[in-house]
């Protein structure tokens, strides 16, 4: 009986390990994650304003209908990314998120940068080169060290009135998301 209990306990432990491994790995193989959905509608390295009328996308990404959203997807394996633009004088926030959904950087208009967005996103190797070169970083330029290469920048704007939404969408699409240095 003791040998049976030992084998049973070992089977339960092994089954638990396999079960947890599958649960933790399945999201990595998902094709309907936020990254994949945005990749279908967002051109690489360009900000686009998300369509307010697309309720399926809004539900999938859990978007607040009161806000205007702009997104830019990019891959740091091709080089550092520079996000630069001017936003309307209203509340805004920007977040840089990894492909798995973790937000690695976030700031708002209340953080002292006014209506200007100036962000450089670098992976660890690019950050090390930036430090070794000793480049002079302009005033107000924020440096983000990203732990992974596939990232999405998300800008949220709060339009005071619905009549401003089209103007805010144009402002979102005018934000530069490029590998051309603006330092």
C-alpha atoms as a PDB file:
ATOM      1  CA  UNK A   1       0.000   0.000   0.000  1.00  0.00           C
ATOM      2  CA  UNK A   2       2.890   2.400   0.763  1.00  0.00           C
ATOM      3  CA  UNK A   3       4.390   1.930  -2.686  1.00  0.00           C
ATOM      4  CA  UNK A   4       1.011   2.671  -4.330  1.00  0.00           C
ATOM      5  CA  UNK A   5       0.617   5.878  -2.276  1.00  0.00           C
ATOM      6  CA  UNK A   6       4.131   6.985  -3.260  1.00  0.00           C
ATOM      7  CA  UNK A   7       3.431   6.421  -6.977  1.00  0.00           C
ATOM      8  CA  UNK A   8       0.054   8.164  -6.645  1.00  0.00           C
ATOM      9  CA  UNK A   9       1.651  11.183  -4.940  1.00  0.00           C
ATOM     10  CA  UNK A  10       4.406  11.327  -7.591  1.00  0.00           C
ATOM     11  CA  UNK A  11       1.742  11.188 -10.318  1.00  0.00           C
ATOM     12  CA  UNK A  12      -0.185  14.042  -8.711  1.00  0.00           C
ATOM     13  CA  UNK A  13       2.924  16.191  -8.434  1.00  0.00           C
ATOM     14  CA  UNK A  14       3.968  15.482 -12.038  1.00  0.00           C
ATOM     15  CA  UNK A  15       0.414  16.135 -13.240  1.00  0.00           C
ATOM     16  CA  UNK A  16       0.364  19.430 -11.339  1.00  0.00           C
ATOM     17  CA  UNK A  17       3.661  20.521 -12.885  1.00  0.00           C
ATOM     18  CA  UNK A  18       2.434  19.676 -16.399  1.00  0.00           C
ATOM     19  CA  UNK A  19      -0.894  21.409 -15.756  1.00  0.00           C
ATOM     20  CA  UNK A  20       0.759  24.621 -14.520  1.00  0.00           C
ATOM     21  CA  UNK A  21       3.264  24.586 -17.385  1.00  0.00           C
ATOM     22  CA  UNK A  22       0.491  24.342 -19.969  1.00  0.00           C
ATOM     23  CA  UNK A  23      -1.526  27.113 -18.317  1.00  0.00           C
ATOM     24  CA  UNK A  24       1.497  29.409 -18.229  1.00  0.00           C
ATOM     25  CA  UNK A  25       2.626  28.648 -21.813  1.00  0.00           C
ATOM     26  CA  UNK A  26      -0.713  28.761 -23.667  1.00  0.00           C
ATOM     27  CA  UNK A  27      -0.910  32.602 -23.810  1.00  0.00           C
ATOM     28  CA  UNK A  28       2.445  32.662 -25.631  1.00  0.00           C
ATOM     29  CA  UNK A  29       0.885  30.691 -28.486  1.00  0.00           C
ATOM     30  CA  UNK A  30      -2.340  32.696 -28.701  1.00  0.00           C
ATOM     31  CA  UNK A  31      -3.061  34.345 -32.042  1.00  0.00           C
ATOM     32  CA  UNK A  32      -5.922  36.476 -30.732  1.00  0.00           C
ATOM     33  CA  UNK A  33      -3.898  38.490 -28.248  1.00  0.00           C
ATOM     34  CA  UNK A  34      -3.889  42.299 -28.250  1.00  0.00           C
ATOM     35  CA  UNK A  35      -0.582  42.451 -30.162  1.00  0.00           C
ATOM     36  CA  UNK A  36      -1.910  40.318 -33.024  1.00  0.00           C
ATOM     37  CA  UNK A  37      -5.186  42.237 -33.226  1.00  0.00           C
ATOM     38  CA  UNK A  38      -3.382  45.568 -33.405  1.00  0.00           C
ATOM     39  CA  UNK A  39      -0.867  44.235 -35.957  1.00  0.00           C
ATOM     40  CA  UNK A  40      -3.764  43.612 -38.362  1.00  0.00           C
ATOM     41  CA  UNK A  41      -4.885  47.258 -38.296  1.00  0.00           C
ATOM     42  CA  UNK A  42      -1.768  49.262 -37.373  1.00  0.00           C
ATOM     43  CA  UNK A  43       1.042  49.769 -39.865  1.00  0.00           C
ATOM     44  CA  UNK A  44       4.500  49.094 -38.476  1.00  0.00           C
ATOM     45  CA  UNK A  45       6.154  52.173 -36.928  1.00  0.00           C
ATOM     46  CA  UNK A  46       3.277  54.596 -37.490  1.00  0.00           C
ATOM     47  CA  UNK A  47       0.763  56.012 -35.066  1.00  0.00           C
ATOM     48  CA  UNK A  48      -2.859  55.416 -35.968  1.00  0.00           C
ATOM     49  CA  UNK A  49      -5.986  56.576 -34.186  1.00  0.00           C
ATOM     50  CA  UNK A  50      -8.190  53.623 -33.281  1.00  0.00           C
ATOM     51  CA  UNK A  51     -11.671  53.655 -34.776  1.00  0.00           C
ATOM     52  CA  UNK A  52     -14.255  54.610 -32.127  1.00  0.00           C
ATOM     53  CA  UNK A  53     -16.980  52.694 -33.954  1.00  0.00           C
ATOM     54  CA  UNK A  54     -15.188  49.339 -33.844  1.00  0.00           C
ATOM     55  CA  UNK A  55     -16.937  47.864 -30.806  1.00  0.00           C
ATOM     56  CA  UNK A  56     -15.349  44.421 -31.232  1.00  0.00           C
ATOM     57  CA  UNK A  57     -11.844  45.904 -30.992  1.00  0.00           C
ATOM     58  CA  UNK A  58     -12.898  48.161 -28.096  1.00  0.00           C
ATOM     59  CA  UNK A  59     -14.195  45.148 -26.141  1.00  0.00           C
ATOM     60  CA  UNK A  60     -11.176  43.001 -26.992  1.00  0.00           C
ATOM     61  CA  UNK A  61      -8.727  45.678 -25.839  1.00  0.00           C
ATOM     62  CA  UNK A  62     -10.950  46.906 -22.978  1.00  0.00           C
ATOM     63  CA  UNK A  63     -10.934  50.504 -24.236  1.00  0.00           C
ATOM     64  CA  UNK A  64     -12.768  53.316 -22.490  1.00  0.00           C
ATOM     65  CA  UNK A  65     -15.233  54.781 -25.041  1.00  0.00           C
ATOM     66  CA  UNK A  66     -14.762  58.296 -23.618  1.00  0.00           C
ATOM     67  CA  UNK A  67     -11.090  58.404 -24.666  1.00  0.00           C
ATOM     68  CA  UNK A  68      -9.346  58.677 -28.037  1.00  0.00           C
ATOM     69  CA  UNK A  69      -6.582  56.122 -28.576  1.00  0.00           C
ATOM     70  CA  UNK A  70      -3.518  56.090 -30.791  1.00  0.00           C
ATOM     71  CA  UNK A  71      -1.157  53.120 -31.121  1.00  0.00           C
ATOM     72  CA  UNK A  72       2.191  52.392 -32.707  1.00  0.00           C
ATOM     73  CA  UNK A  73       3.776  48.944 -32.783  1.00  0.00           C
ATOM     74  CA  UNK A  74       7.493  48.477 -33.304  1.00  0.00           C
ATOM     75  CA  UNK A  75      10.376  46.054 -32.921  1.00  0.00           C
ATOM     76  CA  UNK A  76      13.593  47.246 -31.267  1.00  0.00           C
ATOM     77  CA  UNK A  77      15.556  44.474 -32.995  1.00  0.00           C
ATOM     78  CA  UNK A  78      15.701  46.858 -35.986  1.00  0.00           C
ATOM     79  CA  UNK A  79      17.011  49.746 -33.872  1.00  0.00           C
ATOM     80  CA  UNK A  80      15.906  52.174 -31.162  1.00  0.00           C
ATOM     81  CA  UNK A  81      12.516  53.875 -31.499  1.00  0.00           C
ATOM     82  CA  UNK A  82      11.837  57.585 -31.115  1.00  0.00           C
ATOM     83  CA  UNK A  83       8.365  58.890 -30.311  1.00  0.00           C
ATOM     84  CA  UNK A  84       7.921  62.605 -30.821  1.00  0.00           C
ATOM     85  CA  UNK A  85       4.870  64.815 -31.123  1.00  0.00           C
ATOM     86  CA  UNK A  86       2.679  67.590 -29.822  1.00  0.00           C
ATOM     87  CA  UNK A  87      -0.734  66.874 -28.364  1.00  0.00           C
ATOM     88  CA  UNK A  88      -3.743  69.134 -27.762  1.00  0.00           C
ATOM     89  CA  UNK A  89      -3.863  70.946 -24.443  1.00  0.00           C
ATOM     90  CA  UNK A  90      -5.930  68.330 -22.634  1.00  0.00           C
ATOM     91  CA  UNK A  91      -5.306  65.358 -20.401  1.00  0.00           C
ATOM     92  CA  UNK A  92      -3.274  62.637 -22.128  1.00  0.00           C
ATOM     93  CA  UNK A  93      -1.243  59.628 -21.121  1.00  0.00           C
ATOM     94  CA  UNK A  94       1.250  57.440 -22.941  1.00  0.00           C
ATOM     95  CA  UNK A  95       2.281  53.906 -22.086  1.00  0.00           C
ATOM     96  CA  UNK A  96       4.843  51.596 -23.645  1.00  0.00           C
ATOM     97  CA  UNK A  97       3.791  47.970 -23.304  1.00  0.00           C
ATOM     98  CA  UNK A  98       5.578  44.723 -24.077  1.00  0.00           C
ATOM     99  CA  UNK A  99       3.948  42.140 -26.324  1.00  0.00           C
ATOM    100  CA  UNK A 100       2.737  40.180 -23.295  1.00  0.00           C
ATOM    101  CA  UNK A 101       0.801  43.234 -22.061  1.00  0.00           C
ATOM    102  CA  UNK A 102       3.160  44.385 -19.298  1.00  0.00           C
ATOM    103  CA  UNK A 103       3.442  48.164 -19.208  1.00  0.00           C
ATOM    104  CA  UNK A 104       7.139  49.014 -18.959  1.00  0.00           C
ATOM    105  CA  UNK A 105       6.771  52.803 -18.987  1.00  0.00           C
ATOM    106  CA  UNK A 106       3.958  55.290 -18.511  1.00  0.00           C
ATOM    107  CA  UNK A 107       3.576  59.043 -18.094  1.00  0.00           C
ATOM    108  CA  UNK A 108       0.851  61.677 -18.317  1.00  0.00           C
ATOM    109  CA  UNK A 109       0.455  65.322 -19.271  1.00  0.00           C
ATOM    110  CA  UNK A 110       0.464  66.088 -15.542  1.00  0.00           C
ATOM    111  CA  UNK A 111       4.033  64.791 -15.159  1.00  0.00           C
ATOM    112  CA  UNK A 112       5.559  68.089 -16.243  1.00  0.00           C
ATOM    113  CA  UNK A 113       6.168  67.485 -19.948  1.00  0.00           C
ATOM    114  CA  UNK A 114       3.268  69.723 -21.015  1.00  0.00           C
ATOM    115  CA  UNK A 115       1.883  68.970 -24.456  1.00  0.00           C
ATOM    116  CA  UNK A 116       5.113  67.527 -25.887  1.00  0.00           C
ATOM    117  CA  UNK A 117       5.959  63.843 -26.134  1.00  0.00           C
ATOM    118  CA  UNK A 118       9.669  63.083 -26.602  1.00  0.00           C
ATOM    119  CA  UNK A 119      10.590  59.507 -25.807  1.00  0.00           C
ATOM    120  CA  UNK A 120      13.441  57.261 -26.914  1.00  0.00           C
ATOM    121  CA  UNK A 121      12.909  53.519 -26.434  1.00  0.00           C
ATOM    122  CA  UNK A 122      16.004  51.310 -26.298  1.00  0.00           C
ATOM    123  CA  UNK A 123      16.641  47.643 -25.543  1.00  0.00           C
ATOM    124  CA  UNK A 124      19.474  46.852 -23.060  1.00  0.00           C
ATOM    125  CA  UNK A 125      22.181  46.559 -25.753  1.00  0.00           C
ATOM    126  CA  UNK A 126      21.140  49.865 -27.357  1.00  0.00           C
ATOM    127  CA  UNK A 127      21.031  51.549 -23.938  1.00  0.00           C
ATOM    128  CA  UNK A 128      24.561  50.355 -23.231  1.00  0.00           C
ATOM    129  CA  UNK A 129      25.753  51.813 -26.569  1.00  0.00           C
ATOM    130  CA  UNK A 130      23.953  55.086 -25.811  1.00  0.00           C
ATOM    131  CA  UNK A 131      25.799  55.332 -22.488  1.00  0.00           C
ATOM    132  CA  UNK A 132      29.163  54.413 -24.056  1.00  0.00           C
ATOM    133  CA  UNK A 133      28.815  57.008 -26.826  1.00  0.00           C
ATOM    134  CA  UNK A 134      27.973  59.708 -24.283  1.00  0.00           C
ATOM    135  CA  UNK A 135      25.421  61.365 -26.561  1.00  0.00           C
ATOM    136  CA  UNK A 136      23.957  64.667 -25.417  1.00  0.00           C
ATOM    137  CA  UNK A 137      20.259  64.123 -24.732  1.00  0.00           C
ATOM    138  CA  UNK A 138      18.051  67.164 -25.345  1.00  0.00           C
ATOM    139  CA  UNK A 139      16.029  68.755 -22.560  1.00  0.00           C
ATOM    140  CA  UNK A 140      12.690  67.067 -21.957  1.00  0.00           C
ATOM    141  CA  UNK A 141      13.675  63.895 -23.820  1.00  0.00           C
ATOM    142  CA  UNK A 142      12.795  60.737 -21.870  1.00  0.00           C
ATOM    143  CA  UNK A 143      14.776  57.516 -22.235  1.00  0.00           C
ATOM    144  CA  UNK A 144      12.987  54.185 -21.757  1.00  0.00           C
ATOM    145  CA  UNK A 145      15.010  50.991 -21.311  1.00  0.00           C
ATOM    146  CA  UNK A 146      12.813  48.139 -22.564  1.00  0.00           C
ATOM    147  CA  UNK A 147      13.448  44.540 -21.473  1.00  0.00           C
ATOM    148  CA  UNK A 148      11.992  43.138 -24.723  1.00  0.00           C
ATOM    149  CA  UNK A 149      11.993  44.125 -28.405  1.00  0.00           C
ATOM    150  CA  UNK A 150       8.342  43.883 -29.524  1.00  0.00           C
ATOM    151  CA  UNK A 151       6.512  46.870 -28.058  1.00  0.00           C
ATOM    152  CA  UNK A 152       3.394  48.974 -28.456  1.00  0.00           C
ATOM    153  CA  UNK A 153       3.112  52.658 -27.607  1.00  0.00           C
ATOM    154  CA  UNK A 154      -0.421  53.658 -26.586  1.00  0.00           C
ATOM    155  CA  UNK A 155      -1.513  57.282 -26.295  1.00  0.00           C
ATOM    156  CA  UNK A 156      -4.828  58.122 -24.642  1.00  0.00           C
ATOM    157  CA  UNK A 157      -6.431  61.539 -25.050  1.00  0.00           C
ATOM    158  CA  UNK A 158      -9.405  62.896 -23.153  1.00  0.00           C
ATOM    159  CA  UNK A 159     -11.504  64.997 -25.562  1.00  0.00           C
ATOM    160  CA  UNK A 160     -13.430  67.615 -23.603  1.00  0.00           C
ATOM    161  CA  UNK A 161     -16.258  67.420 -26.165  1.00  0.00           C
ATOM    162  CA  UNK A 162     -17.181  64.910 -28.879  1.00  0.00           C
ATOM    163  CA  UNK A 163     -16.786  67.706 -31.442  1.00  0.00           C
ATOM    164  CA  UNK A 164     -13.012  67.654 -30.694  1.00  0.00           C
ATOM    165  CA  UNK A 165     -12.608  63.925 -31.327  1.00  0.00           C
ATOM    166  CA  UNK A 166     -11.697  64.263 -35.024  1.00  0.00           C
ATOM    167  CA  UNK A 167      -9.072  66.925 -34.264  1.00  0.00           C
ATOM    168  CA  UNK A 168      -7.653  64.721 -31.497  1.00  0.00           C
ATOM    169  CA  UNK A 169      -7.488  61.730 -33.844  1.00  0.00           C
ATOM    170  CA  UNK A 170      -5.503  63.865 -36.311  1.00  0.00           C
ATOM    171  CA  UNK A 171      -3.128  64.860 -33.503  1.00  0.00           C
ATOM    172  CA  UNK A 172      -2.657  61.186 -32.608  1.00  0.00           C
ATOM    173  CA  UNK A 173      -1.807  60.273 -36.200  1.00  0.00           C
ATOM    174  CA  UNK A 174       0.705  63.136 -36.448  1.00  0.00           C
ATOM    175  CA  UNK A 175       2.861  61.706 -33.648  1.00  0.00           C
ATOM    176  CA  UNK A 176       6.154  60.464 -35.038  1.00  0.00           C
ATOM    177  CA  UNK A 177       7.061  56.851 -34.267  1.00  0.00           C
ATOM    178  CA  UNK A 178      10.291  56.231 -36.125  1.00  0.00           C
ATOM    179  CA  UNK A 179      13.820  54.944 -35.911  1.00  0.00           C
ATOM    180  CA  UNK A 180      15.196  58.253 -37.161  1.00  0.00           C
ATOM    181  CA  UNK A 181      17.012  59.857 -34.265  1.00  0.00           C
ATOM    182  CA  UNK A 182      15.516  63.026 -32.862  1.00  0.00           C
ATOM    183  CA  UNK A 183      17.963  63.304 -29.942  1.00  0.00           C
END
